[in-house]
Amino acid sequence: MTELLHAWAIAPAAIGACCLAADRGRARWPDAVASAIMLIAMLDAALARLVAPVYWTVLLLASAMAFAAWQRPRRAAGSRAGSTPGPMTVHTGLGLVGMAALQLAMAPQPAVTIAATAHAHGAVGGGSLLSVLLVGGAAAYAALSALLVLRAHRRLDRAQLICMGASVLIMAVGAVL
């Protein structure tokens, strides 16, 4: 079931990436790179498993930090404070962090490890603290996505926000089952 939900999460992520690529109104190549990294990580984790999930997690977190550094507000000459980052920038950065957590949570584990972890501390699924945090974080991200959808003026931005929120929610459900 987890693999099926993981595969289903790819569809909205792919649609969101296509919406971003189709957005010729703005040059947002850092967003496109972030979207491509998330999509490739999801495809590999769901279909090929060529790269260990922990490495995808590291790459996604490193990408989130690089994205934040690249998108940080620039100070104008003579200005004391920079502008705040745009909502799409914040959404993309949080999406990278959320996908990193979900990649690690959805990683296949040997049966012995799952049984030992579930007995000792609570594995992902079954009402553990990690499950609550993952679902809570995914729900918060989906709520942020919904809020940004209501405020977005462009159709492609709304589509991208809806797709990313849906993808994270589907992956969170898959992680806790």
Protein backbone atom coordinates (compact mmCIF):
# COMPACT_ATOMS: atom_id res chain seq x y z
CA MET A 1 0.00 0.00 0.00
CA THR A 2 2.83 2.38 0.87
CA GLU A 3 4.47 1.89 -2.52
CA LEU A 4 1.16 2.52 -4.26
CA LEU A 5 0.59 5.79 -2.38
CA HIS A 6 4.18 6.80 -3.07
CA ALA A 7 3.62 6.20 -6.77
CA TRP A 8 0.33 8.13 -6.66
CA ALA A 9 2.14 11.08 -5.07
CA ILE A 10 4.31 11.32 -8.19
CA ALA A 11 1.37 12.36 -10.41
CA PRO A 12 0.58 15.67 -8.68
CA ALA A 13 4.29 16.39 -8.27
CA ALA A 14 4.82 15.85 -12.00
CA ILE A 15 1.84 18.05 -12.86
CA GLY A 16 3.17 20.77 -10.56
CA ALA A 17 6.60 20.55 -12.19
CA CYS A 18 4.98 20.86 -15.62
CA CYS A 19 3.03 23.93 -14.46
CA LEU A 20 6.25 25.48 -13.26
CA ALA A 21 8.00 24.69 -16.54
CA ALA A 22 5.07 26.13 -18.50
CA ASP A 23 5.23 29.38 -16.54
CA ARG A 24 6.96 31.61 -19.08
CA GLY A 25 5.76 34.74 -17.28
CA ARG A 26 8.62 34.61 -14.79
CA ALA A 27 12.12 33.24 -14.86
CA ARG A 28 12.12 30.94 -11.81
CA TRP A 29 14.85 28.49 -12.64
CA PRO A 30 15.78 27.84 -8.96
CA ASP A 31 12.18 26.73 -8.39
CA ALA A 32 12.36 24.50 -11.47
CA VAL A 33 15.60 22.90 -10.25
CA ALA A 34 14.08 22.31 -6.80
CA SER A 35 10.97 20.79 -8.38
CA ALA A 36 13.06 18.54 -10.61
CA ILE A 37 15.14 17.30 -7.67
CA MET A 38 11.99 16.47 -5.68
CA LEU A 39 10.42 14.70 -8.64
CA ILE A 40 13.54 12.66 -9.42
CA ALA A 41 13.88 11.66 -5.76
CA MET A 42 10.23 10.56 -5.68
CA LEU A 43 10.55 8.61 -8.93
CA ASP A 44 13.68 6.83 -7.73
CA ALA A 45 12.20 6.00 -4.32
CA ALA A 46 8.94 4.70 -5.79
CA LEU A 47 10.21 2.89 -8.87
CA ALA A 48 13.95 2.26 -9.12
CA ARG A 49 15.55 2.61 -5.67
CA LEU A 50 18.95 3.27 -7.23
CA VAL A 51 19.87 5.77 -4.52
CA ALA A 52 19.36 5.12 -0.81
CA PRO A 53 16.64 7.31 0.76
CA VAL A 54 19.11 8.76 3.23
CA TYR A 55 21.13 10.20 0.33
CA TRP A 56 17.99 11.68 -1.21
CA THR A 57 17.20 13.19 2.18
CA VAL A 58 20.65 14.77 2.37
CA LEU A 59 20.37 16.09 -1.20
CA LEU A 60 16.89 17.52 -0.57
CA LEU A 61 17.99 19.24 2.66
CA ALA A 62 21.13 20.59 0.99
CA SER A 63 18.98 21.81 -1.89
CA ALA A 64 16.62 23.55 0.56
CA MET A 65 19.57 25.35 2.16
CA ALA A 66 21.03 26.31 -1.21
CA PHE A 67 17.62 27.45 -2.41
CA ALA A 68 17.14 29.59 0.69
CA ALA A 69 20.61 31.11 0.31
CA TRP A 70 20.01 31.84 -3.37
CA GLN A 71 16.58 33.33 -2.75
CA ARG A 72 17.51 35.35 0.32
CA PRO A 73 16.48 38.98 0.13
CA ARG A 74 19.10 41.25 -1.35
CA ARG A 75 19.74 44.62 0.19
CA ALA A 76 19.55 47.58 -2.08
CA ALA A 77 22.31 50.17 -1.86
CA GLY A 78 21.52 52.49 1.04
CA SER A 79 18.73 50.26 2.32
CA ARG A 80 18.85 48.80 5.81
CA ALA A 81 16.55 45.85 5.31
CA GLY A 82 15.94 43.52 2.40
CA SER A 83 12.53 42.50 1.22
CA THR A 84 10.86 39.36 2.50
CA PRO A 85 10.92 36.27 0.30
CA GLY A 86 7.82 35.66 -1.80
CA PRO A 87 5.23 33.08 -0.83
CA MET A 88 6.17 30.73 -3.68
CA THR A 89 9.79 30.82 -2.50
CA VAL A 90 8.81 29.92 1.06
CA HIS A 91 6.47 27.19 -0.23
CA THR A 92 9.19 25.62 -2.38
CA GLY A 93 11.77 25.67 0.42
CA LEU A 94 9.35 24.08 2.87
CA GLY A 95 8.42 21.54 0.21
CA LEU A 96 12.05 20.46 -0.08
CA VAL A 97 12.29 19.99 3.69
CA GLY A 98 8.97 18.12 3.82
CA MET A 99 9.96 15.82 0.97
CA ALA A 100 13.26 15.11 2.72
CA ALA A 101 11.46 14.01 5.88
CA LEU A 102 8.98 11.91 3.93
CA GLN A 103 11.70 10.28 1.83
CA LEU A 104 13.36 9.04 4.98
CA ALA A 105 10.08 8.01 6.61
CA MET A 106 8.94 6.05 3.56
CA ALA A 107 12.23 4.21 3.16
CA PRO A 108 11.76 0.44 3.13
CA GLN A 109 13.15 -1.13 6.27
CA PRO A 110 13.95 -4.76 7.06
CA ALA A 111 11.21 -6.57 8.98
CA VAL A 112 13.48 -7.10 12.00
CA THR A 113 14.20 -3.38 12.26
CA ILE A 114 10.52 -2.47 11.96
CA ALA A 115 9.48 -4.99 14.61
CA ALA A 116 12.24 -3.95 17.00
CA THR A 117 11.60 -0.24 16.48
CA ALA A 118 7.85 -0.59 16.79
CA HIS A 119 8.21 -2.49 20.02
CA ALA A 120 10.88 -0.29 21.57
CA HIS A 121 10.01 3.25 20.48
CA GLY A 122 7.18 3.21 17.98
CA ALA A 123 7.85 2.96 14.29
CA VAL A 124 6.34 5.14 11.62
CA GLY A 125 2.71 4.11 11.59
CA GLY A 126 0.66 2.84 14.47
CA GLY A 127 0.23 6.20 16.23
CA SER A 128 3.88 6.89 17.05
CA LEU A 129 5.20 10.38 17.71
CA LEU A 130 6.98 10.37 14.35
CA SER A 131 3.70 9.54 12.60
CA VAL A 132 1.95 12.38 14.38
CA LEU A 133 4.74 14.79 13.43
CA LEU A 134 4.75 13.67 9.79
CA VAL A 135 0.99 13.92 9.39
CA GLY A 136 0.89 17.20 11.33
CA GLY A 137 3.68 18.68 9.22
CA ALA A 138 2.03 17.50 6.00
CA ALA A 139 -1.32 18.92 7.13
CA ALA A 140 0.31 22.25 8.01
CA TYR A 141 2.02 22.32 4.61
CA ALA A 142 -1.29 21.51 2.88
CA ALA A 143 -3.00 24.29 4.87
CA LEU A 144 -0.25 26.72 3.81
CA SER A 145 -0.74 25.55 0.23
CA ALA A 146 -4.50 26.15 0.48
CA LEU A 147 -3.96 29.61 1.94
CA LEU A 148 -1.52 30.49 -0.83
CA VAL A 149 -3.95 29.14 -3.45
CA LEU A 150 -6.57 31.57 -2.18
CA ARG A 151 -4.09 34.45 -2.44
CA ALA A 152 -2.48 33.48 -5.76
CA HIS A 153 -3.50 35.47 -8.81
CA ARG A 154 -2.01 33.26 -11.50
CA ARG A 155 -3.53 29.97 -12.61
CA LEU A 156 -0.18 28.21 -12.93
CA ASP A 157 0.81 29.26 -9.40
CA ARG A 158 -2.47 27.90 -8.04
CA ALA A 159 -2.03 24.62 -9.90
CA GLN A 160 1.53 24.23 -8.63
CA LEU A 161 0.47 24.94 -5.04
CA ILE A 162 -2.42 22.47 -5.18
CA CYS A 163 -0.24 19.76 -6.72
CA MET A 164 2.59 20.12 -4.21
CA GLY A 165 0.20 20.16 -1.24
CA ALA A 166 -1.58 17.05 -2.54
CA SER A 167 1.69 15.25 -3.19
CA VAL A 168 2.96 15.87 0.34
CA LEU A 169 -0.35 14.75 1.87
CA ILE A 170 -0.40 11.54 -0.16
CA MET A 171 3.20 10.76 0.80
CA ALA A 172 2.45 11.44 4.48
CA VAL A 173 -0.49 9.02 4.40
CA GLY A 174 1.78 6.45 2.73
CA ALA A 175 4.45 6.97 5.38
CA VAL A 176 2.14 6.27 8.30
CA LEU A 177 0.34 3.23 6.82
